[in-house]
Amino acid sequence: MKQFTYTITDPVGIHARPAGLLAKFAKTLDSTITIAKADGSKSAEARKLMALMGLGIKTGETVTVTIEGGNEEANAAAMEEFCKENM
């Protein structure tokens, strides 16, 4: 299991566009990816668009990204890069 934290910089948080991009990208990886609010109150599987949007993550909030199974090292690096470029 690999984990990293990321602070959302997108001006409107994880709304439809970034959530859609994230879900689509997560489906290309062979790991299970979970996005959780830093306070641990809510989490969602990254492949599930509606679940991601339901988290209600806003600009400036920190999320914890957990990568399990598959090639965790490569998938964690790819997911971290995706977050920096898109969220």
N, C-alpha and C. Protein backbone atom coordinates (compact mmCIF):
# COMPACT_ATOMS: atom_id res chain seq x y z
N MET A 1 0.84 -1.18 0.00
CA MET A 1 0.00 0.00 0.00
C MET A 1 0.88 1.24 0.00
N LYS A 2 0.55 2.16 -0.88
CA LYS A 2 1.24 3.44 -0.97
C LYS A 2 0.22 4.54 -0.69
N GLN A 3 0.67 5.62 -0.07
CA GLN A 3 -0.20 6.76 0.22
C GLN A 3 0.56 8.05 0.01
N PHE A 4 -0.19 9.08 -0.38
CA PHE A 4 0.35 10.43 -0.39
C PHE A 4 -0.79 11.39 -0.13
N THR A 5 -0.45 12.59 0.29
CA THR A 5 -1.47 13.63 0.49
C THR A 5 -1.30 14.67 -0.59
N TYR A 6 -2.40 15.31 -0.93
CA TYR A 6 -2.38 16.33 -1.96
C TYR A 6 -3.40 17.40 -1.59
N THR A 7 -3.01 18.67 -1.73
CA THR A 7 -3.91 19.78 -1.47
C THR A 7 -4.49 20.24 -2.81
N ILE A 8 -5.81 20.26 -2.90
CA ILE A 8 -6.52 20.60 -4.13
C ILE A 8 -6.30 22.07 -4.47
N THR A 9 -5.87 22.33 -5.72
CA THR A 9 -5.62 23.69 -6.16
C THR A 9 -6.62 24.16 -7.22
N ASP A 10 -7.40 23.23 -7.77
CA ASP A 10 -8.41 23.61 -8.77
C ASP A 10 -9.35 24.63 -8.14
N PRO A 11 -9.66 25.73 -8.84
CA PRO A 11 -10.47 26.82 -8.26
C PRO A 11 -11.84 26.41 -7.73
N VAL A 12 -12.42 25.33 -8.23
CA VAL A 12 -13.72 24.90 -7.75
C VAL A 12 -13.68 23.52 -7.09
N GLY A 13 -12.49 23.03 -6.76
CA GLY A 13 -12.37 21.75 -6.08
C GLY A 13 -12.57 20.58 -7.02
N ILE A 14 -12.96 19.43 -6.44
CA ILE A 14 -13.21 18.24 -7.27
C ILE A 14 -14.68 18.26 -7.67
N HIS A 15 -14.94 18.93 -8.78
CA HIS A 15 -16.29 19.00 -9.35
C HIS A 15 -16.32 18.07 -10.56
N ALA A 16 -17.29 18.22 -11.43
CA ALA A 16 -17.52 17.28 -12.53
C ALA A 16 -16.30 17.06 -13.43
N ARG A 17 -15.68 18.13 -13.91
CA ARG A 17 -14.57 17.95 -14.86
C ARG A 17 -13.38 17.22 -14.24
N PRO A 18 -12.82 17.73 -13.13
CA PRO A 18 -11.67 17.00 -12.57
C PRO A 18 -12.04 15.60 -12.05
N ALA A 19 -13.25 15.44 -11.53
CA ALA A 19 -13.67 14.12 -11.06
C ALA A 19 -13.76 13.15 -12.24
N GLY A 20 -14.27 13.62 -13.37
CA GLY A 20 -14.36 12.78 -14.56
C GLY A 20 -12.98 12.39 -15.07
N LEU A 21 -12.07 13.35 -15.09
CA LEU A 21 -10.71 13.05 -15.53
C LEU A 21 -10.04 12.06 -14.58
N LEU A 22 -10.25 12.26 -13.29
CA LEU A 22 -9.66 11.37 -12.28
C LEU A 22 -10.20 9.95 -12.42
N ALA A 23 -11.50 9.81 -12.56
CA ALA A 23 -12.11 8.48 -12.70
C ALA A 23 -11.59 7.78 -13.96
N LYS A 24 -11.52 8.52 -15.05
CA LYS A 24 -11.04 7.96 -16.31
C LYS A 24 -9.58 7.52 -16.18
N PHE A 25 -8.76 8.34 -15.55
CA PHE A 25 -7.35 8.01 -15.37
C PHE A 25 -7.19 6.80 -14.44
N ALA A 26 -7.95 6.78 -13.36
CA ALA A 26 -7.85 5.67 -12.38
C ALA A 26 -8.18 4.33 -13.04
N LYS A 27 -9.08 4.34 -14.00
CA LYS A 27 -9.46 3.10 -14.69
C LYS A 27 -8.31 2.54 -15.53
N THR A 28 -7.32 3.36 -15.86
CA THR A 28 -6.19 2.88 -16.66
C THR A 28 -5.13 2.20 -15.80
N LEU A 29 -5.21 2.35 -14.49
CA LEU A 29 -4.21 1.78 -13.58
C LEU A 29 -4.68 0.44 -13.04
N ASP A 30 -3.74 -0.44 -12.72
CA ASP A 30 -4.09 -1.76 -12.22
C ASP A 30 -4.11 -1.85 -10.70
N SER A 31 -4.28 -0.72 -10.03
CA SER A 31 -4.38 -0.68 -8.58
C SER A 31 -5.75 -0.15 -8.17
N THR A 32 -6.13 -0.43 -6.94
CA THR A 32 -7.33 0.18 -6.37
C THR A 32 -6.90 1.49 -5.75
N ILE A 33 -7.55 2.58 -6.15
CA ILE A 33 -7.17 3.91 -5.68
C ILE A 33 -8.34 4.50 -4.91
N THR A 34 -8.05 4.95 -3.70
CA THR A 34 -9.07 5.54 -2.84
C THR A 34 -8.68 6.97 -2.52
N ILE A 35 -9.65 7.88 -2.65
CA ILE A 35 -9.46 9.28 -2.30
C ILE A 35 -10.23 9.53 -1.01
N ALA A 36 -9.57 10.08 0.00
CA ALA A 36 -10.23 10.33 1.28
C ALA A 36 -9.97 11.76 1.74
N LYS A 37 -10.98 12.36 2.35
CA LYS A 37 -10.77 13.67 2.96
C LYS A 37 -9.75 13.51 4.08
N ALA A 38 -8.95 14.54 4.30
CA ALA A 38 -7.88 14.47 5.29
C ALA A 38 -8.41 14.20 6.69
N ASP A 39 -9.63 14.66 6.98
CA ASP A 39 -10.19 14.42 8.32
C ASP A 39 -10.75 13.00 8.47
N GLY A 40 -10.71 12.23 7.38
CA GLY A 40 -11.17 10.85 7.42
C GLY A 40 -12.67 10.67 7.41
N SER A 41 -13.41 11.75 7.21
CA SER A 41 -14.87 11.67 7.29
C SER A 41 -15.51 10.99 6.09
N LYS A 42 -14.90 11.09 4.92
CA LYS A 42 -15.47 10.49 3.71
C LYS A 42 -14.34 9.98 2.83
N SER A 43 -14.65 8.92 2.08
CA SER A 43 -13.69 8.42 1.09
C SER A 43 -14.47 7.81 -0.06
N ALA A 44 -13.78 7.69 -1.20
CA ALA A 44 -14.43 7.13 -2.39
C ALA A 44 -13.38 6.44 -3.25
N GLU A 45 -13.84 5.42 -3.97
CA GLU A 45 -12.98 4.74 -4.93
C GLU A 45 -12.84 5.67 -6.13
N ALA A 46 -11.61 5.87 -6.58
CA ALA A 46 -11.32 6.86 -7.62
C ALA A 46 -11.97 6.55 -8.96
N ARG A 47 -12.38 5.32 -9.20
CA ARG A 47 -13.01 4.97 -10.48
C ARG A 47 -14.49 5.34 -10.52
N LYS A 48 -15.05 5.77 -9.42
CA LYS A 48 -16.49 6.04 -9.32
C LYS A 48 -16.76 7.54 -9.32
N LEU A 49 -17.15 8.05 -10.47
CA LEU A 49 -17.35 9.48 -10.68
C LEU A 49 -18.29 10.10 -9.66
N MET A 50 -19.47 9.54 -9.50
CA MET A 50 -20.46 10.14 -8.60
C MET A 50 -20.00 10.11 -7.14
N ALA A 51 -19.29 9.06 -6.77
CA ALA A 51 -18.76 8.97 -5.41
C ALA A 51 -17.72 10.06 -5.17
N LEU A 52 -16.86 10.31 -6.17
CA LEU A 52 -15.86 11.37 -6.05
C LEU A 52 -16.53 12.74 -5.88
N MET A 53 -17.53 13.01 -6.69
CA MET A 53 -18.22 14.29 -6.61
C MET A 53 -18.94 14.42 -5.27
N GLY A 54 -19.41 13.31 -4.74
CA GLY A 54 -20.11 13.30 -3.46
C GLY A 54 -19.24 13.62 -2.27
N LEU A 55 -17.93 13.58 -2.45
CA LEU A 55 -17.03 13.92 -1.35
C LEU A 55 -17.11 15.41 -1.01
N GLY A 56 -17.47 16.23 -1.99
CA GLY A 56 -17.59 17.67 -1.75
C GLY A 56 -16.27 18.34 -1.41
N ILE A 57 -15.21 17.94 -2.08
CA ILE A 57 -13.88 18.48 -1.80
C ILE A 57 -13.71 19.82 -2.49
N LYS A 58 -13.33 20.82 -1.72
CA LYS A 58 -13.20 22.19 -2.22
C LYS A 58 -11.73 22.58 -2.35
N THR A 59 -11.50 23.71 -3.00
CA THR A 59 -10.15 24.26 -3.15
C THR A 59 -9.51 24.42 -1.78
N GLY A 60 -8.24 24.05 -1.68
CA GLY A 60 -7.50 24.21 -0.44
C GLY A 60 -7.61 23.03 0.51
N GLU A 61 -8.54 22.12 0.28
CA GLU A 61 -8.67 20.95 1.14
C GLU A 61 -7.60 19.92 0.77
N THR A 62 -7.17 19.17 1.76
CA THR A 62 -6.17 18.14 1.55
C THR A 62 -6.85 16.78 1.51
N VAL A 63 -6.43 15.96 0.56
CA VAL A 63 -6.94 14.60 0.44
C VAL A 63 -5.79 13.62 0.62
N THR A 64 -6.14 12.42 1.04
CA THR A 64 -5.18 11.33 1.12
C THR A 64 -5.52 10.35 0.01
N VAL A 65 -4.52 10.03 -0.79
CA VAL A 65 -4.69 9.10 -1.91
C VAL A 65 -3.99 7.80 -1.53
N THR A 66 -4.74 6.71 -1.56
CA THR A 66 -4.21 5.39 -1.21
C THR A 66 -4.23 4.50 -2.45
N ILE A 67 -3.09 3.86 -2.71
CA ILE A 67 -2.96 2.99 -3.87
C ILE A 67 -2.65 1.59 -3.35
N GLU A 68 -3.50 0.61 -3.72
CA GLU A 68 -3.30 -0.76 -3.26
C GLU A 68 -3.36 -1.73 -4.42
N GLY A 69 -2.44 -2.70 -4.42
CA GLY A 69 -2.42 -3.75 -5.42
C GLY A 69 -1.77 -3.30 -6.72
N GLY A 70 -1.53 -4.25 -7.58
CA GLY A 70 -0.90 -3.93 -8.86
C GLY A 70 0.51 -3.40 -8.67
N ASN A 71 0.95 -2.57 -9.57
CA ASN A 71 2.27 -1.95 -9.48
C ASN A 71 2.14 -0.66 -8.69
N GLU A 72 2.14 -0.78 -7.37
CA GLU A 72 1.88 0.37 -6.50
C GLU A 72 2.85 1.52 -6.70
N GLU A 73 4.13 1.20 -6.84
CA GLU A 73 5.15 2.26 -7.00
C GLU A 73 4.86 3.12 -8.23
N ALA A 74 4.71 2.48 -9.37
CA ALA A 74 4.48 3.21 -10.62
C ALA A 74 3.13 3.91 -10.61
N ASN A 75 2.11 3.24 -10.09
CA ASN A 75 0.78 3.83 -10.07
C ASN A 75 0.70 5.01 -9.12
N ALA A 76 1.40 4.94 -8.00
CA ALA A 76 1.43 6.06 -7.05
C ALA A 76 2.10 7.27 -7.69
N ALA A 77 3.20 7.04 -8.38
CA ALA A 77 3.91 8.13 -9.05
C ALA A 77 3.03 8.74 -10.15
N ALA A 78 2.35 7.88 -10.91
CA ALA A 78 1.48 8.37 -11.99
C ALA A 78 0.30 9.16 -11.42
N MET A 79 -0.28 8.67 -10.34
CA MET A 79 -1.42 9.37 -9.74
C MET A 79 -1.00 10.71 -9.13
N GLU A 80 0.14 10.75 -8.52
CA GLU A 80 0.63 12.00 -7.94
C GLU A 80 0.87 13.04 -9.05
N GLU A 81 1.45 12.60 -10.15
CA GLU A 81 1.68 13.50 -11.29
C GLU A 81 0.34 13.98 -11.87
N PHE A 82 -0.62 13.06 -11.98
CA PHE A 82 -1.95 13.44 -12.48
C PHE A 82 -2.57 14.51 -11.59
N CYS A 83 -2.49 14.34 -10.29
CA CYS A 83 -3.06 15.32 -9.36
C CYS A 83 -2.44 16.70 -9.54
N LYS A 84 -1.12 16.74 -9.67
CA LYS A 84 -0.43 18.02 -9.85
C LYS A 84 -0.85 18.71 -11.13
N GLU A 85 -1.10 17.94 -12.18
CA GLU A 85 -1.45 18.53 -13.48
C GLU A 85 -2.93 18.88 -13.62
N ASN A 86 -3.80 18.19 -12.89
CA ASN A 86 -5.24 18.32 -13.15
C ASN A 86 -6.09 18.76 -11.97
N MET A 87 -5.57 18.75 -10.77
CA MET A 87 -6.42 19.08 -9.63
C MET A 87 -5.75 20.09 -8.74
